[in-house]
Amino acid sequence: MSKGPHIFNAVSPEVQKAQLRRKQLLREKAVHRKRRSRIISVFAAIFVILGIQISVKIAQTQRIENEAQASRKTLKKVTQEHKDLSTRRDDLKDPDYVAKMVRYKFYYSKPNEKIYNLPQGQDNN
């Protein structure tokens, strides 16, 4: 049944060990490359997530600051209006002021009093 001599080229044990070492080094390099890429991917994902969170917080801070600035403007306006209305209320409680305003706006006069109408805002020297 044999059809002739089989020639088998056996590799020496040193060559086999060298080949096994090369294969093992290549396998270790591949494992190291995969591990390194996974670690880099994890850190990149963490970096992206933190970057997004920081940008969201900055946007929220800016929005809140704008709202606070608008509230300060409104408060200043309302405070000034309150001050003006308080002054007007105090003036309207004063009978001399009311009499003076009625005389000025409607040209009311006291008995035997003459009213002269002078133009305002023009200086002709």
PDB file of N, CA and C in Angstrom:
ATOM      1  N   MET A   1       0.775  -1.166   0.000  1.00  0.00           N
ATOM      2  CA  MET A   1       0.000   0.000   0.000  1.00  0.00           C
ATOM      3  C   MET A   1       0.827   1.244   0.000  1.00  0.00           C
ATOM      4  N   SER A   2       1.933   1.146   0.281  1.00  0.00           N
ATOM      5  CA  SER A   2       2.749   2.316   0.239  1.00  0.00           C
ATOM      6  C   SER A   2       3.201   2.532  -1.188  1.00  0.00           C
ATOM      7  N   LYS A   3       3.205   3.708  -1.586  1.00  0.00           N
ATOM      8  CA  LYS A   3       3.520   4.046  -2.957  1.00  0.00           C
ATOM      9  C   LYS A   3       4.918   4.611  -3.070  1.00  0.00           C
ATOM     10  N   GLY A   4       5.660   4.426  -2.208  1.00  0.00           N
ATOM     11  CA  GLY A   4       7.019   4.911  -2.290  1.00  0.00           C
ATOM     12  C   GLY A   4       7.443   5.512  -0.982  1.00  0.00           C
ATOM     13  N   PRO A   5       8.650   5.894  -0.918  1.00  0.00           N
ATOM     14  CA  PRO A   5       9.138   6.445   0.333  1.00  0.00           C
ATOM     15  C   PRO A   5       8.608   7.863   0.551  1.00  0.00           C
ATOM     16  N   HIS A   6       8.211   8.112   1.737  1.00  0.00           N
ATOM     17  CA  HIS A   6       7.752   9.464   2.098  1.00  0.00           C
ATOM     18  C   HIS A   6       8.944  10.237   2.595  1.00  0.00           C
ATOM     19  N   ILE A   7       9.102  11.414   2.026  1.00  0.00           N
ATOM     20  CA  ILE A   7      10.213  12.250   2.446  1.00  0.00           C
ATOM     21  C   ILE A   7       9.646  13.283   3.407  1.00  0.00           C
ATOM     22  N   PHE A   8      10.169  13.304   4.546  1.00  0.00           N
ATOM     23  CA  PHE A   8       9.698  14.234   5.570  1.00  0.00           C
ATOM     24  C   PHE A   8      10.874  15.089   5.968  1.00  0.00           C
ATOM     25  N   ASN A   9      10.734  16.384   5.735  1.00  0.00           N
ATOM     26  CA  ASN A   9      11.792  17.314   6.117  1.00  0.00           C
ATOM     27  C   ASN A   9      11.483  17.811   7.515  1.00  0.00           C
ATOM     28  N   ALA A  10      12.110  17.309   8.426  1.00  0.00           N
ATOM     29  CA  ALA A  10      11.890  17.712   9.805  1.00  0.00           C
ATOM     30  C   ALA A  10      12.650  18.994  10.078  1.00  0.00           C
ATOM     31  N   VAL A  11      11.989  19.876  10.811  1.00  0.00           N
ATOM     32  CA  VAL A  11      12.604  21.142  11.183  1.00  0.00           C
ATOM     33  C   VAL A  11      13.297  20.904  12.509  1.00  0.00           C
ATOM     34  N   SER A  12      14.437  21.482  12.612  1.00  0.00           N
ATOM     35  CA  SER A  12      15.199  21.277  13.833  1.00  0.00           C
ATOM     36  C   SER A  12      14.480  21.914  15.021  1.00  0.00           C
ATOM     37  N   PRO A  13      14.714  21.451  16.212  1.00  0.00           N
ATOM     38  CA  PRO A  13      14.035  21.986  17.399  1.00  0.00           C
ATOM     39  C   PRO A  13      14.332  23.460  17.628  1.00  0.00           C
ATOM     40  N   GLU A  14      15.507  23.963  17.280  1.00  0.00           N
ATOM     41  CA  GLU A  14      15.817  25.391  17.459  1.00  0.00           C
ATOM     42  C   GLU A  14      14.951  26.249  16.546  1.00  0.00           C
ATOM     43  N   VAL A  15      14.765  25.792  15.322  1.00  0.00           N
ATOM     44  CA  VAL A  15      13.934  26.535  14.368  1.00  0.00           C
ATOM     45  C   VAL A  15      12.486  26.527  14.844  1.00  0.00           C
ATOM     46  N   GLN A  16      12.023  25.380  15.351  1.00  0.00           N
ATOM     47  CA  GLN A  16      10.655  25.306  15.864  1.00  0.00           C
ATOM     48  C   GLN A  16      10.461  26.266  17.034  1.00  0.00           C
ATOM     49  N   LYS A  17      11.432  26.325  17.930  1.00  0.00           N
ATOM     50  CA  LYS A  17      11.334  27.241  19.069  1.00  0.00           C
ATOM     51  C   LYS A  17      11.333  28.692  18.599  1.00  0.00           C
ATOM     52  N   ALA A  18      12.146  29.006  17.605  1.00  0.00           N
ATOM     53  CA  ALA A  18      12.196  30.372  17.069  1.00  0.00           C
ATOM     54  C   ALA A  18      10.858  30.744  16.436  1.00  0.00           C
ATOM     55  N   GLN A  19      10.270  29.804  15.671  1.00  0.00           N
ATOM     56  CA  GLN A  19       8.967  30.066  15.058  1.00  0.00           C
ATOM     57  C   GLN A  19       7.895  30.265  16.131  1.00  0.00           C
ATOM     58  N   LEU A  20       7.921  29.436  17.154  1.00  0.00           N
ATOM     59  CA  LEU A  20       6.949  29.577  18.241  1.00  0.00           C
ATOM     60  C   LEU A  20       7.111  30.913  18.965  1.00  0.00           C
ATOM     61  N   ARG A  21       8.373  31.335  19.169  1.00  0.00           N
ATOM     62  CA  ARG A  21       8.610  32.635  19.815  1.00  0.00           C
ATOM     63  C   ARG A  21       8.057  33.775  18.962  1.00  0.00           C
ATOM     64  N   ARG A  22       8.292  33.705  17.632  1.00  0.00           N
ATOM     65  CA  ARG A  22       7.769  34.750  16.733  1.00  0.00           C
ATOM     66  C   ARG A  22       6.241  34.790  16.779  1.00  0.00           C
ATOM     67  N   LYS A  23       5.620  33.618  16.718  1.00  0.00           N
ATOM     68  CA  LYS A  23       4.153  33.566  16.783  1.00  0.00           C
ATOM     69  C   LYS A  23       3.646  34.135  18.106  1.00  0.00           C
ATOM     70  N   GLN A  24       4.327  33.781  19.186  1.00  0.00           N
ATOM     71  CA  GLN A  24       3.910  34.271  20.498  1.00  0.00           C
ATOM     72  C   GLN A  24       4.101  35.786  20.587  1.00  0.00           C
ATOM     73  N   LEU A  25       5.204  36.307  20.048  1.00  0.00           N
ATOM     74  CA  LEU A  25       5.422  37.760  20.043  1.00  0.00           C
ATOM     75  C   LEU A  25       4.353  38.470  19.221  1.00  0.00           C
ATOM     76  N   LEU A  26       4.027  37.902  18.050  1.00  0.00           N
ATOM     77  CA  LEU A  26       2.976  38.505  17.224  1.00  0.00           C
ATOM     78  C   LEU A  26       1.636  38.489  17.957  1.00  0.00           C
ATOM     79  N   ARG A  27       1.340  37.384  18.633  1.00  0.00           N
ATOM     80  CA  ARG A  27       0.093  37.280  19.384  1.00  0.00           C
ATOM     81  C   ARG A  27       0.073  38.297  20.529  1.00  0.00           C
ATOM     82  N   GLU A  28       1.214  38.430  21.231  1.00  0.00           N
ATOM     83  CA  GLU A  28       1.299  39.404  22.323  1.00  0.00           C
ATOM     84  C   GLU A  28       1.142  40.824  21.802  1.00  0.00           C
ATOM     85  N   LYS A  29       1.744  41.114  20.650  1.00  0.00           N
ATOM     86  CA  LYS A  29       1.602  42.450  20.057  1.00  0.00           C
ATOM     87  C   LYS A  29       0.153  42.718  19.678  1.00  0.00           C
ATOM     88  N   ALA A  30      -0.517  41.719  19.123  1.00  0.00           N
ATOM     89  CA  ALA A  30      -1.923  41.889  18.748  1.00  0.00           C
ATOM     90  C   ALA A  30      -2.779  42.128  19.989  1.00  0.00           C
ATOM     91  N   VAL A  31      -2.536  41.360  21.036  1.00  0.00           N
ATOM     92  CA  VAL A  31      -3.288  41.535  22.287  1.00  0.00           C
ATOM     93  C   VAL A  31      -3.005  42.914  22.870  1.00  0.00           C
ATOM     94  N   HIS A  32      -1.741  43.312  22.851  1.00  0.00           N
ATOM     95  CA  HIS A  32      -1.363  44.625  23.372  1.00  0.00           C
ATOM     96  C   HIS A  32      -2.023  45.740  22.552  1.00  0.00           C
ATOM     97  N   ARG A  33      -2.050  45.596  21.222  1.00  0.00           N
ATOM     98  CA  ARG A  33      -2.675  46.588  20.345  1.00  0.00           C
ATOM     99  C   ARG A  33      -4.169  46.698  20.642  1.00  0.00           C
ATOM    100  N   LYS A  34      -4.842  45.548  20.804  1.00  0.00           N
ATOM    101  CA  LYS A  34      -6.275  45.562  21.120  1.00  0.00           C
ATOM    102  C   LYS A  34      -6.524  46.228  22.471  1.00  0.00           C
ATOM    103  N   ARG A  35      -5.708  45.863  23.455  1.00  0.00           N
ATOM    104  CA  ARG A  35      -5.861  46.428  24.794  1.00  0.00           C
ATOM    105  C   ARG A  35      -5.652  47.943  24.756  1.00  0.00           C
ATOM    106  N   ARG A  36      -4.613  48.383  24.043  1.00  0.00           N
ATOM    107  CA  ARG A  36      -4.324  49.812  23.939  1.00  0.00           C
ATOM    108  C   ARG A  36      -5.467  50.551  23.244  1.00  0.00           C
ATOM    109  N   SER A  37      -5.993  49.967  22.158  1.00  0.00           N
ATOM    110  CA  SER A  37      -7.093  50.629  21.453  1.00  0.00           C
ATOM    111  C   SER A  37      -8.348  50.690  22.326  1.00  0.00           C
ATOM    112  N   ARG A  38      -8.595  49.665  23.129  1.00  0.00           N
ATOM    113  CA  ARG A  38      -9.754  49.691  24.031  1.00  0.00           C
ATOM    114  C   ARG A  38      -9.588  50.766  25.103  1.00  0.00           C
ATOM    115  N   ILE A  39      -8.393  50.847  25.667  1.00  0.00           N
ATOM    116  CA  ILE A  39      -8.148  51.864  26.696  1.00  0.00           C
ATOM    117  C   ILE A  39      -8.296  53.259  26.108  1.00  0.00           C
ATOM    118  N   ILE A  40      -7.745  53.471  24.913  1.00  0.00           N
ATOM    119  CA  ILE A  40      -7.871  54.781  24.252  1.00  0.00           C
ATOM    120  C   ILE A  40      -9.337  55.080  23.962  1.00  0.00           C
ATOM    121  N   SER A  41     -10.092  54.071  23.526  1.00  0.00           N
ATOM    122  CA  SER A  41     -11.518  54.270  23.245  1.00  0.00           C
ATOM    123  C   SER A  41     -12.283  54.662  24.505  1.00  0.00           C
ATOM    124  N   VAL A  42     -11.979  53.997  25.610  1.00  0.00           N
ATOM    125  CA  VAL A  42     -12.665  54.316  26.873  1.00  0.00           C
ATOM    126  C   VAL A  42     -12.355  55.751  27.292  1.00  0.00           C
ATOM    127  N   PHE A  43     -11.076  56.138  27.239  1.00  0.00           N
ATOM    128  CA  PHE A  43     -10.721  57.504  27.619  1.00  0.00           C
ATOM    129  C   PHE A  43     -11.322  58.528  26.659  1.00  0.00           C
ATOM    130  N   ALA A  44     -11.377  58.197  25.367  1.00  0.00           N
ATOM    131  CA  ALA A  44     -11.989  59.114  24.404  1.00  0.00           C
ATOM    132  C   ALA A  44     -13.478  59.284  24.703  1.00  0.00           C
ATOM    133  N   ALA A  45     -14.152  58.181  25.028  1.00  0.00           N
ATOM    134  CA  ALA A  45     -15.579  58.261  25.355  1.00  0.00           C
ATOM    135  C   ALA A  45     -15.797  59.100  26.609  1.00  0.00           C
ATOM    136  N   ILE A  46     -14.965  58.885  27.624  1.00  0.00           N
ATOM    137  CA  ILE A  46     -15.078  59.684  28.849  1.00  0.00           C
ATOM    138  C   ILE A  46     -14.829  61.151  28.544  1.00  0.00           C
ATOM    139  N   PHE A  47     -13.826  61.436  27.731  1.00  0.00           N
ATOM    140  CA  PHE A  47     -13.502  62.815  27.362  1.00  0.00           C
ATOM    141  C   PHE A  47     -14.670  63.470  26.635  1.00  0.00           C
ATOM    142  N   VAL A  48     -15.288  62.742  25.700  1.00  0.00           N
ATOM    143  CA  VAL A  48     -16.426  63.291  24.952  1.00  0.00           C
ATOM    144  C   VAL A  48     -17.606  63.545  25.889  1.00  0.00           C
ATOM    145  N   ILE A  49     -17.898  62.601  26.763  1.00  0.00           N
ATOM    146  CA  ILE A  49     -19.025  62.761  27.695  1.00  0.00           C
ATOM    147  C   ILE A  49     -18.798  63.959  28.605  1.00  0.00           C
ATOM    148  N   LEU A  50     -17.597  64.078  29.145  1.00  0.00           N
ATOM    149  CA  LEU A  50     -17.304  65.216  30.021  1.00  0.00           C
ATOM    150  C   LEU A  50     -17.348  66.534  29.250  1.00  0.00           C
ATOM    151  N   GLY A  51     -16.880  66.525  28.012  1.00  0.00           N
ATOM    152  CA  GLY A  51     -16.939  67.732  27.189  1.00  0.00           C
ATOM    153  C   GLY A  51     -18.373  68.173  26.942  1.00  0.00           C
ATOM    154  N   ILE A  52     -19.235  67.210  26.668  1.00  0.00           N
ATOM    155  CA  ILE A  52     -20.653  67.533  26.449  1.00  0.00           C
ATOM    156  C   ILE A  52     -21.267  68.087  27.728  1.00  0.00           C
ATOM    157  N   GLN A  53     -20.968  67.462  28.860  1.00  0.00           N
ATOM    158  CA  GLN A  53     -21.514  67.950  30.130  1.00  0.00           C
ATOM    159  C   GLN A  53     -21.030  69.360  30.435  1.00  0.00           C
ATOM    160  N   ILE A  54     -19.768  69.626  30.178  1.00  0.00           N
ATOM    161  CA  ILE A  54     -19.236  70.969  30.432  1.00  0.00           C
ATOM    162  C   ILE A  54     -19.917  71.987  29.535  1.00  0.00           C
ATOM    163  N   SER A  55     -20.108  71.655  28.258  1.00  0.00           N
ATOM    164  CA  SER A  55     -20.758  72.611  27.359  1.00  0.00           C
ATOM    165  C   SER A  55     -22.208  72.853  27.766  1.00  0.00           C
ATOM    166  N   VAL A  56     -22.897  71.819  28.238  1.00  0.00           N
ATOM    167  CA  VAL A  56     -24.282  71.990  28.706  1.00  0.00           C
ATOM    168  C   VAL A  56     -24.310  72.893  29.936  1.00  0.00           C
ATOM    169  N   LYS A  57     -23.379  72.683  30.858  1.00  0.00           N
ATOM    170  CA  LYS A  57     -23.328  73.517  32.071  1.00  0.00           C
ATOM    171  C   LYS A  57     -22.996  74.961  31.724  1.00  0.00           C
ATOM    172  N   ILE A  58     -22.114  75.168  30.766  1.00  0.00           N
ATOM    173  CA  ILE A  58     -21.791  76.538  30.346  1.00  0.00           C
ATOM    174  C   ILE A  58     -23.022  77.202  29.748  1.00  0.00           C
ATOM    175  N   ALA A  59     -23.768  76.467  28.920  1.00  0.00           N
ATOM    176  CA  ALA A  59     -24.986  77.023  28.327  1.00  0.00           C
ATOM    177  C   ALA A  59     -26.012  77.352  29.414  1.00  0.00           C
ATOM    178  N   GLN A  60     -26.170  76.470  30.399  1.00  0.00           N
ATOM    179  CA  GLN A  60     -27.107  76.731  31.493  1.00  0.00           C
ATOM    180  C   GLN A  60     -26.678  77.956  32.293  1.00  0.00           C
ATOM    181  N   THR A  61     -25.391  78.060  32.565  1.00  0.00           N
ATOM    182  CA  THR A  61     -24.885  79.207  33.318  1.00  0.00           C
ATOM    183  C   THR A  61     -25.145  80.497  32.557  1.00  0.00           C
ATOM    184  N   GLN A  62     -24.915  80.489  31.259  1.00  0.00           N
ATOM    185  CA  GLN A  62     -25.149  81.683  30.437  1.00  0.00           C
ATOM    186  C   GLN A  62     -26.630  82.058  30.442  1.00  0.00           C
ATOM    187  N   ARG A  63     -27.501  81.044  30.319  1.00  0.00           N
ATOM    188  CA  ARG A  63     -28.943  81.312  30.319  1.00  0.00           C
ATOM    189  C   ARG A  63     -29.381  81.901  31.658  1.00  0.00           C
ATOM    190  N   ILE A  64     -28.896  81.328  32.751  1.00  0.00           N
ATOM    191  CA  ILE A  64     -29.255  81.828  34.079  1.00  0.00           C
ATOM    192  C   ILE A  64     -28.718  83.236  34.282  1.00  0.00           C
ATOM    193  N   GLU A  65     -27.507  83.493  33.798  1.00  0.00           N
ATOM    194  CA  GLU A  65     -26.928  84.837  33.916  1.00  0.00           C
ATOM    195  C   GLU A  65     -27.758  85.851  33.124  1.00  0.00           C
ATOM    196  N   ASN A  66     -28.224  85.467  31.931  1.00  0.00           N
ATOM    197  CA  ASN A  66     -29.083  86.360  31.144  1.00  0.00           C
ATOM    198  C   ASN A  66     -30.397  86.630  31.866  1.00  0.00           C
ATOM    199  N   GLU A  67     -30.974  85.595  32.465  1.00  0.00           N
ATOM    200  CA  GLU A  67     -32.217  85.786  33.216  1.00  0.00           C
ATOM    201  C   GLU A  67     -31.988  86.699  34.419  1.00  0.00           C
ATOM    202  N   ALA A  68     -30.874  86.513  35.101  1.00  0.00           N
ATOM    203  CA  ALA A  68     -30.565  87.355  36.262  1.00  0.00           C
ATOM    204  C   ALA A  68     -30.368  88.801  35.833  1.00  0.00           C
ATOM    205  N   GLN A  69     -29.706  89.004  34.702  1.00  0.00           N
ATOM    206  CA  GLN A  69     -29.493  90.366  34.209  1.00  0.00           C
ATOM    207  C   GLN A  69     -30.833  91.012  33.843  1.00  0.00           C
ATOM    208  N   ALA A  70     -31.717  90.253  33.199  1.00  0.00           N
ATOM    209  CA  ALA A  70     -33.041  90.781  32.867  1.00  0.00           C
ATOM    210  C   ALA A  70     -33.820  91.101  34.143  1.00  0.00           C
ATOM    211  N   SER A  71     -33.705  90.253  35.147  1.00  0.00           N
ATOM    212  CA  SER A  71     -34.393  90.498  36.419  1.00  0.00           C
ATOM    213  C   SER A  71     -33.844  91.745  37.106  1.00  0.00           C
ATOM    214  N   ARG A  72     -32.522  91.938  37.033  1.00  0.00           N
ATOM    215  CA  ARG A  72     -31.935  93.148  37.625  1.00  0.00           C
ATOM    216  C   ARG A  72     -32.430  94.400  36.906  1.00  0.00           C
ATOM    217  N   LYS A  73     -32.541  94.333  35.576  1.00  0.00           N
ATOM    218  CA  LYS A  73     -33.061  95.480  34.821  1.00  0.00           C
ATOM    219  C   LYS A  73     -34.496  95.781  35.236  1.00  0.00           C
ATOM    220  N   THR A  74     -35.306  94.724  35.319  1.00  0.00           N
ATOM    221  CA  THR A  74     -36.705  94.896  35.705  1.00  0.00           C
ATOM    222  C   THR A  74     -36.804  95.458  37.116  1.00  0.00           C
ATOM    223  N   LEU A  75     -35.993  94.943  38.030  1.00  0.00           N
ATOM    224  CA  LEU A  75     -35.994  95.438  39.406  1.00  0.00           C
ATOM    225  C   LEU A  75     -35.615  96.913  39.450  1.00  0.00           C
ATOM    226  N   LYS A  76     -34.610  97.294  38.690  1.00  0.00           N
ATOM    227  CA  LYS A  76     -34.188  98.694  38.666  1.00  0.00           C
ATOM    228  C   LYS A  76     -35.308  99.585  38.130  1.00  0.00           C
ATOM    229  N   LYS A  77     -35.968  99.118  37.070  1.00  0.00           N
ATOM    230  CA  LYS A  77     -37.068  99.886  36.478  1.00  0.00           C
ATOM    231  C   LYS A  77     -38.230 100.017  37.468  1.00  0.00           C
ATOM    232  N   VAL A  78     -38.592  98.913  38.119  1.00  0.00           N
ATOM    233  CA  VAL A  78     -39.707  98.928  39.072  1.00  0.00           C
ATOM    234  C   VAL A  78     -39.363  99.788  40.286  1.00  0.00           C
ATOM    235  N   THR A  79     -38.112  99.720  40.738  1.00  0.00           N
ATOM    236  CA  THR A  79     -37.688 100.538  41.876  1.00  0.00           C
ATOM    237  C   THR A  79     -37.776 102.021  41.533  1.00  0.00           C
ATOM    238  N   GLN A  80     -37.336 102.384  40.335  1.00  0.00           N
ATOM    239  CA  GLN A  80     -37.415 103.785  39.906  1.00  0.00           C
ATOM    240  C   GLN A  80     -38.872 104.225  39.783  1.00  0.00           C
ATOM    241  N   GLU A  81     -39.713 103.357  39.227  1.00  0.00           N
ATOM    242  CA  GLU A  81     -41.136 103.681  39.101  1.00  0.00           C
ATOM    243  C   GLU A  81     -41.769 103.843  40.482  1.00  0.00           C
ATOM    244  N   HIS A  82     -41.415 102.975  41.416  1.00  0.00           N
ATOM    245  CA  HIS A  82     -41.933 103.077  42.784  1.00  0.00           C
ATOM    246  C   HIS A  82     -41.503 104.399  43.422  1.00  0.00           C
ATOM    247  N   LYS A  83     -40.255 104.760  43.207  1.00  0.00           N
ATOM    248  CA  LYS A  83     -39.741 106.018  43.759  1.00  0.00           C
ATOM    249  C   LYS A  83     -40.499 107.215  43.166  1.00  0.00           C
ATOM    250  N   ASP A  84     -40.707 107.185  41.844  1.00  0.00           N
ATOM    251  CA  ASP A  84     -41.441 108.275  41.188  1.00  0.00           C
ATOM    252  C   ASP A  84     -42.882 108.353  41.697  1.00  0.00           C
ATOM    253  N   LEU A  85     -43.531 107.198  41.824  1.00  0.00           N
ATOM    254  CA  LEU A  85     -44.915 107.197  42.299  1.00  0.00           C
ATOM    255  C   LEU A  85     -45.012 107.638  43.760  1.00  0.00           C
ATOM    256  N   SER A  86     -44.034 107.274  44.568  1.00  0.00           N
ATOM    257  CA  SER A  86     -44.035 107.723  45.968  1.00  0.00           C
ATOM    258  C   SER A  86     -43.886 109.239  46.042  1.00  0.00           C
ATOM    259  N   THR A  87     -42.994 109.779  45.214  1.00  0.00           N
ATOM    260  CA  THR A  87     -42.810 111.232  45.176  1.00  0.00           C
ATOM    261  C   THR A  87     -44.092 111.915  44.714  1.00  0.00           C
ATOM    262  N   ARG A  88     -44.715 111.360  43.683  1.00  0.00           N
ATOM    263  CA  ARG A  88     -45.959 111.945  43.167  1.00  0.00           C
ATOM    264  C   ARG A  88     -47.067 111.865  44.227  1.00  0.00           C
ATOM    265  N   ARG A  89     -47.160 110.733  44.940  1.00  0.00           N
ATOM    266  CA  ARG A  89     -48.167 110.583  45.986  1.00  0.00           C
ATOM    267  C   ARG A  89     -47.957 111.625  47.084  1.00  0.00           C
ATOM    268  N   ASP A  90     -46.694 111.799  47.489  1.00  0.00           N
ATOM    269  CA  ASP A  90     -46.402 112.787  48.529  1.00  0.00           C
ATOM    270  C   ASP A  90     -46.738 114.198  48.060  1.00  0.00           C
ATOM    271  N   ASP A  91     -46.448 114.475  46.775  1.00  0.00           N
ATOM    272  CA  ASP A  91     -46.774 115.800  46.237  1.00  0.00           C
ATOM    273  C   ASP A  91     -48.283 116.019  46.191  1.00  0.00           C
ATOM    274  N   LEU A  92     -49.032 114.996  45.808  1.00  0.00           N
ATOM    275  CA  LEU A  92     -50.484 115.150  45.717  1.00  0.00           C
ATOM    276  C   LEU A  92     -51.137 115.273  47.091  1.00  0.00           C
ATOM    277  N   LYS A  93     -50.472 114.802  48.129  1.00  0.00           N
ATOM    278  CA  LYS A  93     -50.994 114.983  49.485  1.00  0.00           C
ATOM    279  C   LYS A  93     -50.771 116.408  49.982  1.00  0.00           C
ATOM    280  N   ASP A  94     -49.834 117.115  49.389  1.00  0.00           N
ATOM    281  CA  ASP A  94     -49.514 118.487  49.795  1.00  0.00           C
ATOM    282  C   ASP A  94     -50.510 119.445  49.132  1.00  0.00           C
ATOM    283  N   PRO A  95     -51.326 120.181  49.917  1.00  0.00           N
ATOM    284  CA  PRO A  95     -52.335 121.071  49.328  1.00  0.00           C
ATOM    285  C   PRO A  95     -51.705 122.220  48.537  1.00  0.00           C
ATOM    286  N   ASP A  96     -50.552 122.720  48.944  1.00  0.00           N
ATOM    287  CA  ASP A  96     -49.911 123.808  48.198  1.00  0.00           C
ATOM    288  C   ASP A  96     -49.489 123.339  46.802  1.00  0.00           C
ATOM    289  N   TYR A  97     -48.996 122.129  46.710  1.00  0.00           N
ATOM    290  CA  TYR A  97     -48.560 121.599  45.410  1.00  0.00           C
ATOM    291  C   TYR A  97     -49.758 121.429  44.481  1.00  0.00           C
ATOM    292  N   VAL A  98     -50.865 120.906  45.024  1.00  0.00           N
ATOM    293  CA  VAL A  98     -52.062 120.708  44.203  1.00  0.00           C
ATOM    294  C   VAL A  98     -52.575 122.050  43.706  1.00  0.00           C
ATOM    295  N   ALA A  99     -52.604 123.039  44.574  1.00  0.00           N
ATOM    296  CA  ALA A  99     -53.066 124.370  44.163  1.00  0.00           C
ATOM    297  C   ALA A  99     -52.141 124.939  43.096  1.00  0.00           C
ATOM    298  N   LYS A 100     -50.857 124.771  43.259  1.00  0.00           N
ATOM    299  CA  LYS A 100     -49.886 125.280  42.294  1.00  0.00           C
ATOM    300  C   LYS A 100     -50.081 124.605  40.928  1.00  0.00           C
ATOM    301  N   MET A 101     -50.302 123.285  40.912  1.00  0.00           N
ATOM    302  CA  MET A 101     -50.496 122.571  39.652  1.00  0.00           C
ATOM    303  C   MET A 101     -51.785 123.000  38.960  1.00  0.00           C
ATOM    304  N   VAL A 102     -52.856 123.165  39.724  1.00  0.00           N
ATOM    305  CA  VAL A 102     -54.128 123.593  39.134  1.00  0.00           C
ATOM    306  C   VAL A 102     -53.978 124.982  38.540  1.00  0.00           C
ATOM    307  N   ARG A 103     -53.297 125.856  39.228  1.00  0.00           N
ATOM    308  CA  ARG A 103     -53.097 127.219  38.719  1.00  0.00           C
ATOM    309  C   ARG A 103     -52.222 127.198  37.467  1.00  0.00           C
ATOM    310  N   TYR A 104     -51.220 126.331  37.424  1.00  0.00           N
ATOM    311  CA  TYR A 104     -50.297 126.294  36.291  1.00  0.00           C
ATOM    312  C   TYR A 104     -50.967 125.677  35.064  1.00  0.00           C
ATOM    313  N   LYS A 105     -51.662 124.561  35.230  1.00  0.00           N
ATOM    314  CA  LYS A 105     -52.224 123.854  34.084  1.00  0.00           C
ATOM    315  C   LYS A 105     -53.502 124.498  33.555  1.00  0.00           C
ATOM    316  N   PHE A 106     -54.358 124.926  34.463  1.00  0.00           N
ATOM    317  CA  PHE A 106     -55.674 125.401  34.041  1.00  0.00           C
ATOM    318  C   PHE A 106     -55.832 126.911  34.146  1.00  0.00           C
ATOM    319  N   TYR A 107     -54.773 127.598  34.445  1.00  0.00           N
ATOM    320  CA  TYR A 107     -54.752 129.063  34.556  1.00  0.00           C
ATOM    321  C   TYR A 107     -55.787 129.573  35.558  1.00  0.00           C
ATOM    322  N   TYR A 108     -55.966 128.875  36.647  1.00  0.00           N
ATOM    323  CA  TYR A 108     -56.812 129.369  37.726  1.00  0.00           C
ATOM    324  C   TYR A 108     -56.037 130.455  38.449  1.00  0.00           C
ATOM    325  N   SER A 109     -56.766 131.358  39.006  1.00  0.00           N
ATOM    326  CA  SER A 109     -56.080 132.437  39.725  1.00  0.00           C
ATOM    327  C   SER A 109     -56.831 132.762  41.008  1.00  0.00           C
ATOM    328  N   LYS A 110     -56.105 133.385  41.884  1.00  0.00           N
ATOM    329  CA  LYS A 110     -56.709 133.864  43.115  1.00  0.00           C
ATOM    330  C   LYS A 110     -57.416 135.180  42.789  1.00  0.00           C
ATOM    331  N   PRO A 111     -58.296 135.578  43.649  1.00  0.00           N
ATOM    332  CA  PRO A 111     -58.965 136.865  43.392  1.00  0.00           C
ATOM    333  C   PRO A 111     -57.936 137.995  43.317  1.00  0.00           C
ATOM    334  N   ASN A 112     -58.138 138.898  42.366  1.00  0.00           N
ATOM    335  CA  ASN A 112     -57.287 140.073  42.122  1.00  0.00           C
ATOM    336  C   ASN A 112     -55.844 139.680  41.737  1.00  0.00           C
ATOM    337  N   GLU A 113     -55.683 138.563  41.080  1.00  0.00           N
ATOM    338  CA  GLU A 113     -54.350 138.133  40.649  1.00  0.00           C
ATOM    339  C   GLU A 113     -54.310 138.158  39.124  1.00  0.00           C
ATOM    340  N   LYS A 114     -53.221 138.676  38.569  1.00  0.00           N
ATOM    341  CA  LYS A 114     -53.063 138.736  37.118  1.00  0.00           C
ATOM    342  C   LYS A 114     -52.082 137.639  36.695  1.00  0.00           C
ATOM    343  N   ILE A 115     -52.396 136.996  35.583  1.00  0.00           N
ATOM    344  CA  ILE A 115     -51.540 135.930  35.069  1.00  0.00           C
ATOM    345  C   ILE A 115     -50.981 136.383  33.732  1.00  0.00           C
ATOM    346  N   TYR A 116     -49.658 136.287  33.610  1.00  0.00           N
ATOM    347  CA  TYR A 116     -48.980 136.629  32.362  1.00  0.00           C
ATOM    348  C   TYR A 116     -48.439 135.340  31.752  1.00  0.00           C
ATOM    349  N   ASN A 117     -48.651 135.192  30.465  1.00  0.00           N
ATOM    350  CA  ASN A 117     -48.173 134.004  29.764  1.00  0.00           C
ATOM    351  C   ASN A 117     -46.895 134.365  29.023  1.00  0.00           C
ATOM    352  N   LEU A 118     -45.781 133.826  29.475  1.00  0.00           N
ATOM    353  CA  LEU A 118     -44.487 134.103  28.859  1.00  0.00           C
ATOM    354  C   LEU A 118     -44.033 132.876  28.078  1.00  0.00           C
ATOM    355  N   PRO A 119     -43.463 133.080  26.892  1.00  0.00           N
ATOM    356  CA  PRO A 119     -42.963 131.923  26.136  1.00  0.00           C
ATOM    357  C   PRO A 119     -41.775 131.284  26.868  1.00  0.00           C
ATOM    358  N   GLN A 120     -41.701 129.995  26.802  1.00  0.00           N
ATOM    359  CA  GLN A 120     -40.644 129.275  27.514  1.00  0.00           C
ATOM    360  C   GLN A 120     -39.624 128.728  26.516  1.00  0.00           C
ATOM    361  N   GLY A 121     -38.373 128.662  26.945  1.00  0.00           N
ATOM    362  CA  GLY A 121     -37.340 128.018  26.160  1.00  0.00           C
ATOM    363  C   GLY A 121     -36.657 128.906  25.150  1.00  0.00           C
ATOM    364  N   GLN A 122     -36.998 130.163  25.032  1.00  0.00           N
ATOM    365  CA  GLN A 122     -36.336 131.039  24.072  1.00  0.00           C
ATOM    366  C   GLN A 122     -35.639 132.148  24.839  1.00  0.00           C
ATOM    367  N   ASP A 123     -34.352 132.262  24.635  1.00  0.00           N
ATOM    368  CA  ASP A 123     -33.580 133.319  25.282  1.00  0.00           C
ATOM    369  C   ASP A 123     -33.213 134.363  24.240  1.00  0.00           C
ATOM    370  N   ASN A 124     -33.837 135.516  24.314  1.00  0.00           N
ATOM    371  CA  ASN A 124     -33.513 136.632  23.420  1.00  0.00           C
ATOM    372  C   ASN A 124     -32.950 137.753  24.267  1.00  0.00           C
ATOM    373  N   ASN A 125     -31.660 137.852  24.341  1.00  0.00           N
ATOM    374  CA  ASN A 125     -31.022 138.885  25.157  1.00  0.00           C
ATOM    375  C   ASN A 125     -30.741 140.097  24.345  1.00  0.00           C
TER     376      ASN A 125
END
